[in-house]
Structures are given as structure tokens and as C-alpha cells.
Protein backbone atom coordinates (compact mmCIF):
# COMPACT_ATOMS: atom_id res chain seq x y z
CA MET A 1 18.22 62.59 -30.83
CA LYS A 2 21.30 61.43 -32.71
CA TYR A 3 23.47 59.01 -30.73
CA ASP A 4 26.69 60.97 -30.31
CA ILE A 5 29.23 58.19 -29.79
CA ASN A 6 32.21 60.55 -29.95
CA LYS A 7 30.81 62.73 -27.19
CA ILE A 8 30.05 59.66 -25.08
CA ARG A 9 33.55 58.24 -25.55
CA SER A 10 35.10 61.57 -24.59
CA SER A 11 33.81 60.94 -21.04
CA PHE A 12 35.86 57.73 -20.75
CA PRO A 13 39.59 58.62 -20.76
CA ILE A 14 40.59 54.99 -20.17
CA LEU A 15 39.41 54.10 -23.69
CA HIS A 16 41.87 56.52 -25.29
CA GLN A 17 45.11 54.68 -24.61
CA GLN A 18 47.26 51.88 -25.94
CA VAL A 19 47.79 48.42 -24.49
CA TYR A 20 50.90 46.56 -25.71
CA LYS A 21 51.30 49.42 -28.22
CA LYS A 22 47.87 48.64 -29.68
CA GLN A 23 44.72 50.74 -29.46
CA PHE A 24 42.75 49.56 -26.41
CA VAL A 25 39.44 47.86 -27.27
CA TYR A 26 37.28 47.04 -24.25
CA LEU A 27 34.74 44.28 -24.88
CA ASP A 28 34.18 43.16 -21.28
CA SER A 29 31.51 45.49 -19.95
CA ALA A 30 29.37 42.58 -18.74
CA ALA A 31 32.07 41.92 -16.13
CA SER A 32 32.39 45.59 -15.20
CA ALA A 33 31.77 48.79 -17.11
CA GLN A 34 34.28 51.62 -17.39
CA LYS A 35 33.57 54.82 -15.44
CA PRO A 36 32.95 58.24 -16.99
CA VAL A 37 34.74 61.31 -15.66
CA GLN A 38 31.45 62.57 -14.22
CA VAL A 39 31.44 59.66 -11.78
CA LEU A 40 35.13 59.99 -10.92
CA MET A 41 34.75 63.74 -10.33
CA LYS A 42 31.76 63.19 -8.03
CA GLU A 43 33.82 60.88 -5.83
CA GLU A 44 36.61 63.44 -5.65
CA GLN A 45 34.20 66.30 -4.97
CA LEU A 46 32.64 64.48 -2.03
CA HIS A 47 35.97 63.92 -0.30
CA ASN A 48 37.24 67.41 -1.07
CA ASP A 49 34.12 69.36 -0.15
CA TYR A 50 31.63 67.69 2.19
CA TYR A 51 32.43 64.20 3.44
CA GLY A 52 30.80 63.07 6.67
CA ASN A 53 29.09 59.97 8.03
CA ILE A 54 25.44 60.06 7.09
CA HIS A 55 22.18 60.07 9.06
CA ARG A 56 23.53 60.21 12.60
CA ALA A 57 25.63 63.38 12.91
CA ALA A 58 24.42 66.95 13.51
CA HIS A 59 26.96 68.93 11.52
CA PHE A 60 27.06 70.55 8.07
CA MET A 61 29.24 67.97 6.31
CA ALA A 62 27.18 65.00 7.48
CA ASP A 63 23.93 66.77 6.66
CA LYS A 64 25.03 67.57 3.11
CA ALA A 65 26.34 64.02 2.54
CA THR A 66 23.06 62.60 3.92
CA VAL A 67 20.97 64.72 1.56
CA GLU A 68 23.06 63.64 -1.45
CA PHE A 69 23.02 59.99 -0.37
CA GLU A 70 19.25 59.90 0.02
CA ALA A 71 18.79 61.76 -3.27
CA VAL A 72 20.35 58.74 -5.00
CA ARG A 73 17.62 56.56 -3.49
CA ASP A 74 15.10 58.83 -5.19
CA LYS A 75 17.00 58.58 -8.48
CA VAL A 76 16.99 54.78 -8.30
CA GLN A 77 13.29 54.72 -7.45
CA LYS A 78 12.54 56.77 -10.54
CA PHE A 79 15.00 54.83 -12.74
CA ILE A 80 13.26 51.49 -12.12
CA ASN A 81 9.80 53.00 -11.42
CA ALA A 82 9.42 51.60 -7.90
CA GLU A 83 6.23 52.65 -6.14
CA TYR A 84 7.91 53.70 -2.88
CA ARG A 85 11.39 55.02 -2.09
CA LYS A 86 11.44 52.80 1.03
CA GLU A 87 11.52 49.80 -1.35
CA ILE A 88 15.06 50.76 -2.47
CA ILE A 89 17.81 49.19 -0.35
CA PHE A 90 21.52 49.84 -0.79
CA THR A 91 23.78 46.79 -0.59
CA LYS A 92 27.38 45.95 -1.57
CA GLY A 93 26.33 44.50 -4.94
CA THR A 94 23.93 42.14 -6.68
CA THR A 95 25.52 39.19 -4.89
CA GLU A 96 24.77 40.64 -1.46
CA SER A 97 21.25 41.52 -2.60
CA VAL A 98 20.63 37.89 -3.55
CA ASN A 99 22.09 36.68 -0.26
CA LEU A 100 19.95 39.14 1.68
CA VAL A 101 16.74 37.83 0.16
CA ALA A 102 17.90 34.20 0.29
CA SER A 103 18.55 34.63 4.00
CA SER A 104 15.68 36.83 5.15
CA PHE A 105 12.90 35.75 2.78
CA CYS A 106 13.67 32.09 3.26
CA GLU A 107 13.89 32.45 7.05
CA LYS A 108 10.41 33.96 7.04
CA TYR A 109 8.61 31.97 4.35
CA LEU A 110 10.49 28.73 3.68
CA ASN A 111 9.77 25.51 5.58
CA GLU A 112 11.15 22.01 5.38
CA GLY A 113 10.14 20.37 2.11
CA ASP A 114 9.45 23.65 0.33
CA GLU A 115 10.93 24.45 -3.10
CA ILE A 116 12.68 27.30 -4.91
CA ILE A 117 12.75 27.29 -8.71
CA VAL A 118 15.98 28.64 -10.22
CA SER A 119 16.71 28.86 -13.94
CA GLU A 120 19.52 26.81 -15.46
CA MET A 121 21.19 29.89 -16.96
CA GLU A 122 21.97 31.67 -13.67
CA HIS A 123 25.22 33.20 -12.51
CA HIS A 124 26.54 31.34 -9.46
CA SER A 125 25.52 34.33 -7.32
CA ASN A 126 21.88 33.65 -8.15
CA LEU A 127 22.12 29.92 -7.48
CA VAL A 128 24.45 29.24 -4.56
CA PRO A 129 22.62 31.48 -2.01
CA TRP A 130 19.37 29.60 -2.70
CA GLN A 131 21.17 26.28 -2.35
CA LEU A 132 22.60 27.38 1.00
CA ALA A 133 19.19 28.50 2.23
CA ALA A 134 17.56 25.28 1.04
CA GLU A 135 20.20 23.15 2.75
CA ARG A 136 19.85 25.11 5.99
CA LEU A 137 16.05 24.82 6.05
CA GLY A 138 15.58 21.37 4.52
CA ALA A 139 14.11 22.74 1.29
CA LYS A 140 14.89 21.97 -2.37
CA VAL A 141 16.15 23.89 -5.40
CA VAL A 142 14.38 22.95 -8.66
CA LYS A 143 15.86 23.66 -12.11
CA LEU A 144 13.98 25.54 -14.82
CA PRO A 145 15.88 24.45 -17.98
CA PHE A 146 16.72 26.32 -21.16
CA SER A 147 16.88 25.06 -24.74
CA ASP A 148 20.09 24.73 -26.76
CA ASN A 149 19.38 28.05 -28.47
CA GLY A 150 19.50 29.76 -25.07
CA VAL A 151 15.75 30.29 -24.62
CA LEU A 152 14.29 29.57 -21.20
CA GLN A 153 11.65 26.82 -21.33
CA ILE A 154 8.86 28.90 -19.82
CA GLU A 155 6.28 26.37 -20.97
CA LYS A 156 7.61 24.00 -18.27
CA LEU A 157 7.14 26.50 -15.46
CA PRO A 158 3.47 25.76 -14.66
CA GLU A 159 4.23 22.06 -14.20
CA LEU A 160 7.24 22.80 -11.99
CA ILE A 161 5.21 24.98 -9.62
CA ASN A 162 3.37 23.13 -6.87
CA SER A 163 1.98 23.81 -3.40
CA LYS A 164 5.53 23.68 -1.98
CA THR A 165 6.96 26.33 -4.34
CA LYS A 166 7.71 29.56 -2.50
CA LEU A 167 9.90 31.53 -4.93
CA ILE A 168 11.22 31.65 -8.50
CA SER A 169 14.64 33.19 -9.14
CA VAL A 170 15.73 34.14 -12.65
CA ALA A 171 18.07 36.50 -14.49
CA HIS A 172 16.52 39.31 -16.50
CA VAL A 173 19.42 38.95 -18.95
CA SER A 174 21.81 35.99 -18.97
CA ASN A 175 25.45 36.97 -18.45
CA VAL A 176 26.60 34.14 -20.77
CA LEU A 177 23.84 33.77 -23.36
CA GLY A 178 22.61 37.36 -23.54
CA THR A 179 19.03 36.06 -23.46
CA ILE A 180 16.42 38.58 -22.34
CA ASN A 181 13.97 36.52 -20.32
CA PRO A 182 10.21 37.30 -20.43
CA ILE A 183 9.89 38.50 -16.84
CA ASP A 184 6.30 39.74 -17.29
CA GLU A 185 5.22 36.25 -18.34
CA ILE A 186 7.15 34.57 -15.53
CA THR A 187 5.64 36.81 -12.84
CA LYS A 188 2.13 36.30 -14.24
CA ILE A 189 2.48 32.51 -14.05
CA ALA A 190 4.08 32.68 -10.61
CA HIS A 191 1.61 35.09 -9.05
CA GLU A 192 -1.37 33.09 -10.27
CA LYS A 193 0.04 30.33 -8.05
CA GLY A 194 0.91 32.66 -5.15
CA VAL A 195 4.68 32.36 -5.74
CA ALA A 196 7.12 35.25 -5.30
CA VAL A 197 9.64 36.21 -8.02
CA PHE A 198 13.24 37.39 -7.58
CA VAL A 199 15.00 38.84 -10.64
CA ASP A 200 18.76 39.27 -11.06
CA GLY A 201 18.99 42.44 -13.13
CA ALA A 202 22.79 42.81 -13.06
CA GLN A 203 23.03 42.43 -16.85
CA ALA A 204 19.84 44.31 -17.66
CA ALA A 205 19.55 47.67 -15.89
CA GLN A 206 22.32 49.32 -17.96
CA HIS A 207 20.96 48.08 -21.30
CA ILE A 208 17.16 48.04 -21.24
CA SER A 209 14.41 50.03 -19.57
CA VAL A 210 13.40 48.47 -16.25
CA ASP A 211 9.92 49.02 -14.81
CA VAL A 212 9.46 46.90 -11.68
CA GLN A 213 5.79 47.81 -11.37
CA LYS A 214 5.01 46.86 -14.96
CA MET A 215 6.91 43.58 -14.62
CA ASP A 216 5.27 43.09 -11.20
CA VAL A 217 8.44 41.54 -9.76
CA ASP A 218 8.68 41.03 -6.01
CA PHE A 219 12.45 41.57 -5.87
CA TYR A 220 14.91 43.05 -8.36
CA ALA A 221 18.69 43.41 -7.88
CA PHE A 222 21.49 45.10 -9.82
CA SER A 223 24.97 46.59 -9.36
CA ALA A 224 26.40 50.09 -9.79
CA HIS A 225 29.70 48.98 -11.33
CA LYS A 226 27.97 47.44 -14.33
CA MET A 227 26.09 50.73 -14.82
CA TYR A 228 29.21 52.89 -15.23
CA GLY A 229 29.23 53.57 -11.49
CA PRO A 230 31.63 52.64 -8.68
CA ASN A 231 32.32 49.21 -7.27
CA GLY A 232 30.88 48.10 -3.96
CA VAL A 233 27.30 49.31 -4.41
CA GLY A 234 24.24 47.25 -5.20
CA ILE A 235 20.53 47.93 -5.28
CA LEU A 236 17.83 45.67 -3.97
CA TYR A 237 14.26 46.55 -4.81
CA GLY A 238 11.64 44.65 -2.86
CA LYS A 239 7.91 45.04 -2.47
CA LYS A 240 7.25 46.55 0.92
CA LYS A 241 4.75 43.79 1.80
CA TYR A 242 7.66 41.33 1.86
CA LEU A 243 10.33 43.66 3.24
CA ASN A 244 8.14 44.61 6.20
CA GLU A 245 7.69 40.97 7.18
CA MET A 246 11.23 39.74 6.49
CA PRO A 247 13.68 39.75 9.42
CA PRO A 248 16.83 41.91 9.19
CA TYR A 249 19.78 40.43 7.31
CA GLN A 250 22.47 41.98 9.53
CA GLY A 251 22.50 43.75 12.87
CA GLY A 252 24.01 47.04 13.99
CA GLY A 253 24.12 50.71 13.16
CA GLU A 254 21.38 52.21 11.05
CA MET A 255 19.06 49.19 11.15
CA ILE A 256 18.12 49.67 14.81
CA SER A 257 15.52 51.88 16.44
CA GLU A 258 16.17 51.17 20.14
CA VAL A 259 18.58 48.75 21.82
CA SER A 260 18.69 47.35 25.33
CA PHE A 261 19.97 44.08 26.72
CA GLU A 262 16.36 43.01 27.09
CA LYS A 263 15.16 43.86 23.58
CA THR A 264 16.07 45.51 20.27
CA THR A 265 13.53 47.15 17.99
CA PHE A 266 14.34 47.64 14.31
CA ASN A 267 14.27 50.73 12.14
CA GLU A 268 11.68 51.33 9.45
CA LEU A 269 12.27 50.54 5.78
CA PRO A 270 14.64 50.81 4.03
CA TYR A 271 17.08 51.27 6.94
CA LYS A 272 16.04 47.98 8.53
CA PHE A 273 18.23 46.28 5.88
CA GLU A 274 21.11 48.80 5.87
CA ALA A 275 23.21 47.87 8.88
CA GLY A 276 26.38 49.84 9.57
CA THR A 277 28.04 52.67 7.67
CA PRO A 278 27.26 52.26 3.96
CA ASN A 279 29.57 52.94 1.04
CA ILE A 280 28.71 56.64 1.15
CA THR A 281 31.14 57.83 -1.52
CA SER A 282 30.23 55.18 -4.05
CA VAL A 283 26.47 55.51 -3.56
CA ILE A 284 26.65 59.27 -4.17
CA ALA A 285 28.89 58.74 -7.21
CA PHE A 286 26.40 56.15 -8.47
CA GLY A 287 23.90 58.98 -8.61
CA ALA A 288 26.19 60.67 -11.14
CA ALA A 289 26.21 57.46 -13.20
CA ILE A 290 22.42 57.39 -13.25
CA ASP A 291 22.37 61.04 -14.34
CA PHE A 292 24.84 60.18 -17.11
CA ILE A 293 22.68 57.29 -18.37
CA ASN A 294 19.53 59.41 -18.20
CA GLU A 295 21.19 62.22 -20.15
CA ILE A 296 21.93 59.86 -23.04
CA GLY A 297 18.72 57.84 -22.65
CA ILE A 298 18.42 54.17 -21.72
CA ILE A 299 16.31 53.48 -24.82
CA GLU A 300 18.91 55.12 -27.08
CA ILE A 301 21.70 53.18 -25.37
CA GLY A 302 19.84 49.91 -25.87
CA GLU A 303 19.19 50.63 -29.53
CA TRP A 304 22.86 51.44 -30.16
CA GLU A 305 24.04 48.31 -28.36
CA HIS A 306 21.56 46.18 -30.30
CA GLU A 307 22.98 47.59 -33.52
CA LEU A 308 26.46 46.60 -32.33
CA LEU A 309 25.18 43.15 -31.35
CA GLU A 310 23.72 42.50 -34.80
CA TYR A 311 26.81 43.89 -36.55
CA ALA A 312 29.24 41.77 -34.50
CA THR A 313 27.10 38.64 -34.87
CA SER A 314 26.99 38.99 -38.67
CA LYS A 315 30.79 39.45 -38.80
CA LEU A 316 31.43 36.48 -36.51
CA LYS A 317 29.22 34.22 -38.62
CA GLU A 318 31.73 34.65 -41.45
CA ILE A 319 34.50 33.03 -39.40
CA GLU A 320 35.15 29.38 -40.13
CA GLY A 321 34.61 26.98 -37.24
CA ILE A 322 32.70 29.37 -34.98
CA ILE A 323 30.18 27.94 -32.52
CA PHE A 324 27.65 30.26 -30.85
CA TYR A 325 26.09 29.72 -27.41
CA GLY A 326 22.87 31.64 -26.97
CA GLU A 327 20.91 32.49 -30.12
CA SER A 328 17.66 33.69 -28.61
CA PRO A 329 15.71 36.14 -30.80
CA GLU A 330 15.60 38.38 -27.70
CA LYS A 331 19.20 39.22 -26.78
CA SER A 332 21.16 42.03 -25.19
CA SER A 333 24.82 43.04 -25.54
CA VAL A 334 26.52 39.65 -25.05
CA ILE A 335 27.94 37.12 -27.51
CA SER A 336 29.45 33.85 -26.29
CA PHE A 337 31.27 31.61 -28.74
CA ASN A 338 34.12 29.20 -29.37
CA ILE A 339 36.22 28.55 -32.45
CA ASP A 340 36.74 24.90 -33.26
CA GLY A 341 40.24 23.75 -32.37
CA ILE A 342 41.20 26.81 -30.27
CA HIS A 343 40.94 26.86 -26.48
CA SER A 344 39.02 29.91 -25.22
CA TYR A 345 41.79 30.87 -22.78
CA ASP A 346 44.48 30.76 -25.48
CA LEU A 347 42.33 32.92 -27.71
CA GLY A 348 41.68 35.42 -24.94
CA MET A 349 45.38 35.70 -24.08
CA LEU A 350 46.36 36.34 -27.69
CA LEU A 351 43.61 38.93 -28.16
CA ASP A 352 44.88 40.70 -25.04
CA LYS A 353 48.33 41.02 -26.62
CA MET A 354 46.57 42.78 -29.49
CA GLY A 355 45.00 45.29 -27.11
CA ILE A 356 41.56 43.67 -27.00
CA ALA A 357 39.91 42.85 -23.66
CA VAL A 358 37.44 39.94 -23.74
CA ARG A 359 36.30 37.45 -21.11
CA THR A 360 37.07 33.73 -21.25
CA GLY A 361 36.10 30.75 -19.09
CA HIS A 362 32.88 29.61 -17.44
CA HIS A 363 31.73 33.16 -16.55
CA CYS A 364 30.60 32.00 -13.09
CA ALA A 365 27.87 29.94 -14.73
CA ASP A 366 28.97 26.31 -14.54
CA PRO A 367 25.46 24.89 -15.17
CA VAL A 368 25.43 26.66 -18.55
CA MET A 369 28.77 25.08 -19.45
CA GLN A 370 27.47 21.69 -18.29
CA HIS A 371 24.40 22.13 -20.49
CA TYR A 372 26.61 22.49 -23.57
CA LYS A 373 29.25 20.02 -22.31
CA ILE A 374 32.05 22.57 -22.64
CA GLN A 375 34.66 24.02 -20.30
CA GLY A 376 34.20 27.65 -21.25
CA THR A 377 33.57 30.22 -23.97
CA ILE A 378 34.92 33.49 -25.29
CA ARG A 379 32.52 36.26 -24.36
CA ILE A 380 32.39 39.73 -25.82
CA SER A 381 30.05 42.27 -24.27
CA PHE A 382 29.17 45.82 -25.23
CA GLY A 383 28.69 49.08 -23.41
CA MET A 384 27.33 52.42 -24.53
CA TYR A 385 30.85 53.47 -25.62
CA ASN A 386 31.69 50.69 -28.07
CA THR A 387 31.84 51.23 -31.84
CA LYS A 388 31.59 49.25 -35.05
CA GLU A 389 35.20 50.22 -35.76
CA GLU A 390 36.22 48.44 -32.56
CA ILE A 391 34.30 45.37 -33.69
CA ASP A 392 36.19 45.46 -36.99
CA VAL A 393 39.50 45.57 -35.08
CA PHE A 394 38.33 42.63 -32.96
CA ILE A 395 37.28 40.58 -36.01
CA ALA A 396 40.60 41.25 -37.76
CA ALA A 397 42.48 40.12 -34.64
CA LEU A 398 40.29 37.03 -34.35
CA ASN A 399 41.05 36.04 -37.93
CA LYS A 400 44.75 36.57 -37.31
CA VAL A 401 44.65 34.25 -34.29
CA ARG A 402 42.65 31.63 -36.20
CA ILE A 403 45.26 31.60 -38.98
CA MET A 404 48.01 31.21 -36.36
CA PHE A 405 46.36 28.03 -35.12
């Protein structure tokens, strides 16, 4: 099937406008993706036609909303090829998913003196929760380093794992470097030693095909808003053998079975980890985002974005004074760089005045900046809707700024 970029872009009205009297070019999808009209219309339809609080009511509106809500769980299960629908938990985002596992898994399995291995290239959201858990329980966080080219040093993993190691946490795709980490290899090494694996898939699920059974991960987390869906919704996949044993993360609402002052019994999976009223509207609209991705094809999206990545990289290499961060042979949709003599923030501000949205700074990944001994980078990131023509506009603007300095 031919990749119909014009048809795809027609679903994103926000892209067809001007900013500061310049054509808007959005190169910040790694922070948050734009939303197609199909998602926006689903949100509106819910509130106009059949909104009601799910699971607990006995009326038409609630029943219809419940059916649609639970249908999204089925869509997610199929999208990542989970074995059971009960292994799909709705959260507020990837960050809450990490915190849930860091709290509940560590409470169940982590003892004083135990260790958690976390890669050096992680977003703060996949580092700080493990640090908090380790501090609370008297455990230790151990760093798995990456090389200057942005490749994780997997060869060091076997020597880092010992009898005290309980979990390894790693990004599927780095939000700064764009590196696609070899999750299959990591889980194989970990499981041979009896160690669980948590994967932050926030930068992966919208770009590459995810098969949690094939990768054999124990936990996998991602966010709706990076997948062209609404804000405030995350997915946590977890193997039921762990989820059944882990204590609840929060109390109240849907996560209970029976409550008395003497004792509370908890609901079955996945509701055991879904306390309170969820983000009903956004979860149902996320289902429309998954349908939209499936209609185009995740493989086709990934191939198009890789073409953009190679095209942009080749154009950037022609710019004098450019410094790249993250040159792994396995990359996805992200380019981080600096231009010698120009502060990343200044560059980002000037590009904005030309209608081009990029990200500047440390990208919530201070350890990566510390590795390279820099304060920040300029980051461009692609979505399914970006074009080579937009890259040309970006490159022309970049050259204009460089000449100004």
C-alpha cells in the first residue's frame, strides 16, 4: 500500500495553519503527538451521545460507555500482542505506570540490599521512581551505561547482574538519542538470571511494532498522547504472574471487591490496579487513535519515519559545526544535536519565530547530558504526518539562524 501522506495530513487540521505568519512545521512529536479529527470527534461523540460512569451503574448510558471502554482494553491487548486482556491496566500515563510498578513490585519483591539496574539513557520518569523505591527499602540503583555513539553497553549487563538484582528497567527507544534498544537480548540475559524486566515504551509504541510476548518483557508501559491519542491515559502491561502477587498501588473505587472495617478484599485483574473513576473519555478516544494507526499500518508508519530520519540526518550533516548525540545504527524518529557556538535555547526560540516547533534543553534526561558534558540539545522528532518538504523548510531556517550567529 502506498503511504498516502496527504490523506494522513488531512486528518490533522492543526498542521494547516500559520505561526508568526509562517507555515507551521511541527517537529516535536516525541514530546506529544498531534491528534487526528477521528480522536477529537470520538471525544465529542461520547459526551453528546452516551456519557456515564463505567462499570458500576445499571443504566443505558453507563452500559454503553462501559462496553466502549472495555473494548479499548481489547484493542490494546491486540496492538501489543499481550496474552491476556487482564494484563492491560489503564493509568494516567507512562510516568504513573512506572511509579505503579516501582511501588507495588518493589514492595513485594525488593529487600534491603537488593539492586535495580537502570540504563543511563532513561527519561527521569524511568529513573526517579526506582530511586525512591530503593531509598525507601534500603536497596540500590545500578547504572547500565551507554557508549558515546548512543548504543547501550549490553555486554556489561551479565557482570552487573548478581544474586541481589531483582529488576532491570530500560527504554525501548531513547527519547534523546533515538536508540532502539535490543529488548529481546536484554530479557534473555535477565531471565536466565531470574531477573524481571520493565520496559518504557513511551517512544516506541507509535513508531515500531511491539510484541510483548515475543520480547518476553515482564512489564511494558506507554502513553496515549504520544500515539495521537488524548492526554491523561497510559497503558501498563504486566505479566499476570507478577500482577497477581503485587499489592494494589492505590485504594478505592473499582479496585475493591468487598470492604468492611475489619477487612478489605481486592478486585481481580486488571481492576485491582484501577482505583477510582478512570479517564473514561480519553480512554475511549484512545481507541480511535489505535484504529487510526492500524488503518495506516504501524510497519508502514515506521518505514516512512525512518525515511524521514535518514533524509534529515543527511541534510543536517551538511551544516557546518553540527554535533550529533546518538548515532546508533538502530534508531527511531529522533535526532538530537547542537551547532557549535549557538546555545540550544537560542536556536529553538529563533526557529519558533520561523514557525518551526522543536524541543530544546535536557529533555528530562539529565544523566544523558552529564554523559556528554553538555547542558542540553536541540531535538527534532517525527510523526506519521511529517514530510521531506517540512525538513527542507527546517534546514533552510537552521542555515539562516547559523548565518545570523
